[in-house]
Structures are given as C-alpha cells and as structure tokens.
C-alpha cells in the first residue's frame, strides 16, 4: 500500500465552509488536526485498487475423485476473489478455491477480482483401474502369475536379492504396496536409503490399540490405498507386511489379505500377531 502526500485545497475548503457546505476533497478524505483544522502536511493512506490476481498454481494434473485447494493473492485491497470453472464436470471449484476433480478432461479454474483475473490449467486423468477384492478394492489383481512377475522386479527376502546390503522387510513391503497403488514395479532397493526406508509417497501413523489400527487400515483399503503394517511372526519379533485387501467386517486380523515380503507369498494375516501398532500407507499424488 503506497502513501500519497495529499494537500487540501484551502480556498475551496474555506469557501465551502463559509457557505455551510460540507466539503469532500478530491482525495476522498481530508485530514484534520486535533483542533479540527485541515492538516496540509498529512500523509494519507489511499487504498490501491486491485489490478492483478495470482494463483499459487498455474497447472494441475490429477486423477478424478480427488480435490485440491487453490489460493489466490491480489496486489491491492480486495473485498473478495471469485472462482469459477470453464467446465465444472471436469473440475468444480467452491467459493473458497477448493477444486474437486470429476470426469476425465481439461478445464480452466479462473480467479477474478474487480475485473482483474488469472487462471490455472487443470487436466483430469481417469482413475486407476480397480478390482473388487471381497469387500474392499485393490488397484491390481494378485495371483501366482502376477506375483512371480512382481518378485522378478521387487524381489523378496528369501531370495537374498541384495546380498551386499541388508534390505529389510519394510522396503519389500512398501514396494508391494506401491505396486498395488500405481501398478509400477520398483525394486525393494528403491525404497531403501541410508539404513532405513525412505517411504516415498508414504505417511506414518500410530495408534493406541490393535482395533484402531485395523479400523484405519480398512479405511485406507476402502479408498484403494495399500498399507504397510507392523506385525510379528513366530520367527521374528517384528515384521512388516503389505495389507492389500480384507474379507468380512475387517475387524479381525485374520480378515486381512497380505503379501509377506519374506517369500513374496499371498496369504492372510491369520497366525500373525501385533508387535507395535502402526502402519504406513502408500499414497501417490
């Protein structure tokens, strides 16, 4: 906001005052000192009109079903910014700039204020293919054939695919989860760095009880997101496995379908127990 030195036109003001006429300056405001006399040296803050609108994103590429918040800025005093879409079936925008991605296609989200406007290009891609798996959804089908293909790329611990370094079950599990979400086969080493998993695209959660953990995993699976959870086996006090589906209510550990990174086998979580309650979820933006 720039400050302008505004000088009141005394002759006009005095004449108007003598006639009992209220005077408004050409600057829309006059500054008076403590005695009610016009202050000729007053610095007046004049509101700068909006002449430019900008958005924090100029291009968005997303899959249908998601949403994202756009934020607008102006270079002056703005009462409000109005958002609208050139195709609301592709990208629908709310009054606060939240964009919801609909059908496949392209659209522009336009932000406008006082005649100034800008836009963001939006491309909506079709959702990843999904397959029903007994009460939940998974992106890619799993069977012995697909797992053999996955093992050739991802590997499993029993194969000792990385003999020169120790790649833990967590890295293999996350590679399996990443495949379920994206269909992209990455070797387990892709998720391993400096002695620990990098968890690319993943977020970690911890819960106070096994029930809370399973409820959270079920919710993620219902949204098509494979999870990596902590379990334990008879041979190991702590073991990571990939949760990719469930049967029934999903309230019991035995309801869940998992990929065991030890041998790359598709199995259920029956016979496993809890070691610590936490999981990672494979999410891809």
Protein backbone atom coordinates (compact mmCIF):
# COMPACT_ATOMS: atom_id res chain seq x y z
CA UNK A 1 0.00 0.00 0.00
CA UNK A 2 1.66 3.26 -1.09
CA UNK A 3 1.40 6.53 0.92
CA UNK A 4 0.46 9.67 -1.03
CA UNK A 5 1.05 13.22 0.23
CA UNK A 6 -2.40 14.82 -0.12
CA UNK A 7 -2.69 18.60 0.08
CA UNK A 8 -6.14 20.01 0.84
CA UNK A 9 -7.26 22.85 -1.44
CA UNK A 10 -7.71 25.56 1.18
CA UNK A 11 -9.50 28.20 -0.91
CA UNK A 12 -12.21 25.77 -1.97
CA UNK A 13 -12.49 24.31 1.50
CA UNK A 14 -12.74 27.75 3.13
CA UNK A 15 -15.35 28.95 0.67
CA UNK A 16 -17.38 25.82 1.17
CA UNK A 17 -17.12 26.13 4.95
CA UNK A 18 -18.26 29.78 4.83
CA UNK A 19 -21.32 28.69 2.87
CA UNK A 20 -22.01 25.90 5.34
CA UNK A 21 -21.33 23.24 2.72
CA UNK A 22 -19.68 20.02 3.76
CA UNK A 23 -16.58 19.52 1.65
CA UNK A 24 -15.08 16.27 0.46
CA UNK A 25 -11.62 16.51 -1.05
CA UNK A 26 -10.59 15.19 -4.40
CA UNK A 27 -8.69 12.60 -2.41
CA UNK A 28 -11.96 11.36 -0.87
CA UNK A 29 -10.71 12.29 2.60
CA UNK A 30 -9.28 15.32 4.46
CA UNK A 31 -7.02 15.02 7.48
CA UNK A 32 -7.86 17.27 10.47
CA UNK A 33 -5.51 18.04 13.33
CA UNK A 34 -6.54 17.94 17.00
CA UNK A 35 -8.12 21.40 16.70
CA UNK A 36 -10.30 20.42 13.77
CA UNK A 37 -8.18 22.38 11.29
CA UNK A 38 -7.17 20.90 7.96
CA UNK A 39 -3.66 19.48 8.17
CA UNK A 40 -1.93 20.41 4.94
CA UNK A 41 1.00 18.07 5.60
CA UNK A 42 -0.95 14.93 6.44
CA UNK A 43 0.14 11.70 4.81
CA UNK A 44 -2.99 9.86 3.77
CA UNK A 45 -3.14 6.09 3.20
CA UNK A 46 -5.01 5.62 -0.05
CA UNK A 47 -6.33 2.16 -0.87
CA UNK A 48 -4.72 0.81 -4.01
CA UNK A 49 -7.29 -0.79 -6.32
CA UNK A 50 -6.74 -4.39 -7.36
CA UNK A 51 -5.07 -4.62 -10.75
CA UNK A 52 -3.59 -8.11 -10.54
CA UNK A 53 -4.70 -11.54 -9.28
CA UNK A 54 -2.35 -14.52 -8.97
CA UNK A 55 -2.80 -18.19 -8.04
CA UNK A 56 -0.33 -20.43 -6.21
CA UNK A 57 -0.61 -22.98 -9.03
CA UNK A 58 -0.68 -22.46 -12.78
CA UNK A 59 -1.09 -26.09 -13.81
CA UNK A 60 -2.65 -29.13 -12.13
CA UNK A 61 -2.69 -32.73 -13.35
CA UNK A 62 -4.75 -35.05 -11.12
CA UNK A 63 -6.82 -38.20 -11.31
CA UNK A 64 -10.58 -37.98 -10.93
CA UNK A 65 -12.03 -38.27 -7.46
CA UNK A 66 -9.56 -36.07 -5.60
CA UNK A 67 -9.51 -32.43 -4.58
CA UNK A 68 -7.04 -29.59 -4.07
CA UNK A 69 -7.17 -26.07 -2.58
CA UNK A 70 -6.10 -23.14 -4.76
CA UNK A 71 -5.01 -19.93 -3.07
CA UNK A 72 -5.34 -16.51 -4.70
CA UNK A 73 -3.46 -13.29 -3.97
CA UNK A 74 -4.13 -9.74 -5.13
CA UNK A 75 -1.88 -6.69 -5.31
CA UNK A 76 -4.39 -4.40 -3.63
CA UNK A 77 -7.29 -4.19 -1.25
CA UNK A 78 -9.74 -6.89 -2.33
CA UNK A 79 -13.20 -7.46 -0.95
CA UNK A 80 -13.32 -10.99 -2.37
CA UNK A 81 -11.95 -13.25 -5.10
CA UNK A 82 -14.48 -15.13 -7.21
CA UNK A 83 -13.60 -18.55 -8.58
CA UNK A 84 -15.27 -20.33 -11.47
CA UNK A 85 -14.56 -23.23 -13.81
CA UNK A 86 -14.82 -23.41 -17.58
CA UNK A 87 -16.10 -26.99 -17.20
CA UNK A 88 -17.49 -27.94 -13.80
CA UNK A 89 -17.95 -31.57 -14.89
CA UNK A 90 -14.18 -31.86 -15.19
CA UNK A 91 -13.16 -29.57 -12.33
CA UNK A 92 -15.66 -27.99 -9.95
CA UNK A 93 -14.48 -25.15 -7.74
CA UNK A 94 -16.03 -23.90 -4.50
CA UNK A 95 -16.22 -20.32 -3.22
CA UNK A 96 -13.01 -20.76 -1.19
CA UNK A 97 -10.97 -22.16 -4.12
CA UNK A 98 -11.25 -25.89 -3.40
CA UNK A 99 -11.18 -27.79 -6.71
CA UNK A 100 -12.84 -31.21 -6.98
CA UNK A 101 -11.76 -33.36 -9.90
CA UNK A 102 -14.55 -35.03 -11.86
CA UNK A 103 -14.56 -36.71 -15.24
CA UNK A 104 -11.54 -37.03 -17.49
CA UNK A 105 -10.76 -33.88 -19.49
CA UNK A 106 -9.37 -30.35 -19.34
CA UNK A 107 -10.67 -27.15 -17.79
CA UNK A 108 -9.53 -23.78 -16.51
CA UNK A 109 -10.12 -22.52 -12.99
CA UNK A 110 -10.42 -18.73 -13.16
CA UNK A 111 -9.89 -16.39 -10.21
CA UNK A 112 -11.33 -12.89 -10.65
CA UNK A 113 -11.45 -9.73 -8.54
CA UNK A 114 -12.53 -6.24 -9.59
CA UNK A 115 -12.03 -7.02 -13.26
CA UNK A 116 -8.54 -8.49 -12.79
CA UNK A 117 -8.27 -12.23 -13.33
CA UNK A 118 -5.95 -15.18 -13.83
CA UNK A 119 -6.37 -18.90 -14.40
CA UNK A 120 -4.98 -22.35 -13.66
CA UNK A 121 -4.98 -25.12 -16.26
CA UNK A 122 -6.44 -28.38 -14.95
CA UNK A 123 -6.05 -31.80 -16.54
CA UNK A 124 -8.05 -34.64 -15.02
CA UNK A 125 -6.90 -38.17 -15.81
CA UNK A 126 -9.02 -41.26 -15.47
CA UNK A 127 -8.80 -43.08 -12.13
CA UNK A 128 -6.54 -46.06 -11.76
CA UNK A 129 -8.25 -49.31 -12.63
CA UNK A 130 -9.62 -51.14 -9.61
CA UNK A 131 -10.66 -54.68 -8.93
CA UNK A 132 -13.12 -55.80 -6.27
CA UNK A 133 -11.48 -57.97 -3.61
CA UNK A 134 -14.07 -59.43 -1.22
CA UNK A 135 -15.46 -56.32 0.42
CA UNK A 136 -12.77 -53.83 -0.47
CA UNK A 137 -10.92 -52.55 -3.52
CA UNK A 138 -7.40 -53.02 -4.78
CA UNK A 139 -5.91 -51.49 -7.89
CA UNK A 140 -4.31 -54.56 -9.39
CA UNK A 141 -5.25 -58.23 -9.28
CA UNK A 142 -2.97 -60.60 -7.41
CA UNK A 143 -2.38 -64.22 -8.26
CA UNK A 144 0.57 -66.56 -8.52
CA UNK A 145 1.37 -65.35 -12.03
CA UNK A 146 1.39 -61.65 -11.19
CA UNK A 147 3.39 -62.28 -8.03
CA UNK A 148 6.07 -64.13 -9.97
CA UNK A 149 6.27 -61.10 -12.23
CA UNK A 150 6.43 -58.80 -9.21
CA UNK A 151 9.10 -60.87 -7.49
CA UNK A 152 11.38 -60.65 -10.53
CA UNK A 153 11.39 -56.87 -10.15
CA UNK A 154 10.71 -56.29 -6.45
CA UNK A 155 12.33 -59.40 -5.04
CA UNK A 156 11.72 -61.00 -1.64
CA UNK A 157 13.94 -61.54 1.38
CA UNK A 158 14.38 -65.26 0.99
CA UNK A 159 15.90 -64.71 -2.47
CA UNK A 160 18.64 -62.52 -0.97
CA UNK A 161 18.19 -60.17 -3.89
CA UNK A 162 20.60 -57.66 -2.32
CA UNK A 163 23.44 -59.78 -0.87
CA UNK A 164 25.79 -56.80 -0.47
CA UNK A 165 23.42 -54.97 1.85
CA UNK A 166 20.60 -55.66 4.27
CA UNK A 167 17.27 -54.62 2.80
CA UNK A 168 14.61 -55.06 5.45
CA UNK A 169 11.12 -56.44 5.01
CA UNK A 170 9.77 -52.87 5.27
CA UNK A 171 11.36 -51.93 1.93
CA UNK A 172 9.95 -55.01 0.19
CA UNK A 173 6.53 -54.42 1.76
CA UNK A 174 6.41 -50.85 0.61
CA UNK A 175 7.44 -51.87 -2.91
CA UNK A 176 4.49 -54.31 -2.98
CA UNK A 177 2.14 -51.59 -1.66
CA UNK A 178 3.44 -49.12 -4.23
CA UNK A 179 2.71 -51.66 -6.96
CA UNK A 180 -0.84 -52.10 -5.68
CA UNK A 181 -1.46 -48.35 -5.79
CA UNK A 182 0.34 -47.46 -9.02
CA UNK A 183 0.94 -50.65 -10.99
CA UNK A 184 4.59 -49.60 -11.15
CA UNK A 185 7.11 -52.28 -10.21
CA UNK A 186 10.10 -50.88 -8.34
CA UNK A 187 12.87 -52.98 -6.77
CA UNK A 188 12.87 -53.02 -2.98
CA UNK A 189 16.11 -51.07 -3.00
CA UNK A 190 14.23 -48.11 -4.46
CA UNK A 191 12.65 -47.63 -1.02
CA UNK A 192 15.84 -48.11 0.92
CA UNK A 193 18.34 -45.41 1.74
CA UNK A 194 20.99 -44.85 4.41
CA UNK A 195 19.97 -47.76 6.57
CA UNK A 196 16.25 -47.02 6.62
CA UNK A 197 13.22 -46.86 4.41
CA UNK A 198 12.63 -43.62 2.59
CA UNK A 199 8.88 -44.36 2.40
CA UNK A 200 8.50 -42.43 -0.84
CA UNK A 201 4.95 -41.13 -1.04
CA UNK A 202 4.03 -42.70 2.29
CA UNK A 203 2.90 -41.36 5.64
CA UNK A 204 3.25 -43.00 9.05
CA UNK A 205 0.51 -43.43 11.64
CA UNK A 206 0.50 -44.89 15.14
CA UNK A 207 -2.48 -45.99 17.22
CA UNK A 208 -3.13 -46.94 20.82
CA UNK A 209 -4.83 -50.27 20.15
CA UNK A 210 -4.92 -53.04 17.51
CA UNK A 211 -8.60 -52.25 16.88
CA UNK A 212 -7.81 -48.64 15.99
CA UNK A 213 -5.02 -49.77 13.71
CA UNK A 214 -7.24 -52.23 11.81
CA UNK A 215 -10.01 -49.65 11.50
CA UNK A 216 -7.53 -47.18 9.98
CA UNK A 217 -6.11 -49.79 7.60
CA UNK A 218 -9.62 -50.79 6.50
CA UNK A 219 -10.44 -47.15 5.73
CA UNK A 220 -7.32 -46.80 3.60
CA UNK A 221 -8.05 -50.04 1.72
CA UNK A 222 -11.61 -48.84 1.07
CA UNK A 223 -10.04 -45.82 -0.64
CA UNK A 224 -7.79 -48.02 -2.78
CA UNK A 225 -4.62 -47.43 -0.77
CA UNK A 226 -2.48 -50.41 0.16
CA UNK A 227 -0.88 -50.29 3.61
CA UNK A 228 2.30 -51.50 5.23
CA UNK A 229 1.69 -52.62 8.82
CA UNK A 230 3.78 -53.88 11.72
CA UNK A 231 3.11 -57.49 12.68
CA UNK A 232 5.07 -60.26 14.34
CA UNK A 233 5.63 -63.90 13.46
CA UNK A 234 7.00 -66.84 15.34
CA UNK A 235 10.42 -66.34 13.80
CA UNK A 236 10.62 -62.58 14.12
CA UNK A 237 9.53 -60.20 16.90
CA UNK A 238 8.74 -57.54 14.32
CA UNK A 239 7.75 -57.94 10.71
CA UNK A 240 6.39 -55.61 8.03
CA UNK A 241 3.75 -56.91 5.64
CA UNK A 242 1.63 -55.37 2.89
CA UNK A 243 -2.11 -55.20 3.53
CA UNK A 244 -3.91 -55.26 0.18
CA UNK A 245 -7.47 -56.39 0.94
CA UNK A 246 -9.84 -57.81 3.53
CA UNK A 247 -12.85 -60.08 3.92
CA UNK A 248 -15.96 -59.60 6.04
CA UNK A 249 -16.03 -56.82 8.62
CA UNK A 250 -12.30 -56.17 8.68
CA UNK A 251 -12.40 -56.07 12.50
CA UNK A 252 -10.13 -59.08 12.96
CA UNK A 253 -6.55 -59.51 11.87
CA UNK A 254 -7.46 -62.80 10.20
CA UNK A 255 -9.86 -60.90 7.89
CA UNK A 256 -6.97 -59.26 6.05
CA UNK A 257 -5.14 -60.35 2.92
CA UNK A 258 -1.44 -59.63 2.93
CA UNK A 259 1.74 -60.03 0.92
CA UNK A 260 4.53 -61.46 3.04
CA UNK A 261 7.85 -59.95 1.90
CA UNK A 262 9.80 -62.91 3.30
CA UNK A 263 8.76 -65.21 0.48
CA UNK A 264 6.53 -62.96 -1.64
CA UNK A 265 3.51 -65.16 -0.96
CA UNK A 266 -0.14 -64.06 -0.99
CA UNK A 267 -1.73 -65.10 2.28
CA UNK A 268 -3.97 -63.95 5.12
CA UNK A 269 -2.87 -62.33 8.36
CA UNK A 270 -4.16 -65.34 10.35
CA UNK A 271 -1.37 -66.68 12.54
CA UNK A 272 0.36 -63.33 12.80
CA UNK A 273 0.21 -61.11 15.85
CA UNK A 274 0.89 -57.47 16.71
CA UNK A 275 4.32 -56.19 17.62
CA UNK A 276 3.65 -52.48 17.68
CA UNK A 277 0.61 -50.66 16.45
CA UNK A 278 1.46 -48.53 13.46
CA UNK A 279 1.35 -48.56 9.69
CA UNK A 280 2.43 -46.71 6.58
CA UNK A 281 0.06 -46.05 3.71
CA UNK A 282 1.17 -45.97 0.09
CA UNK A 283 -0.27 -42.80 -1.41
CA UNK A 284 0.56 -41.39 -4.81
CA UNK A 285 -0.24 -37.79 -5.78
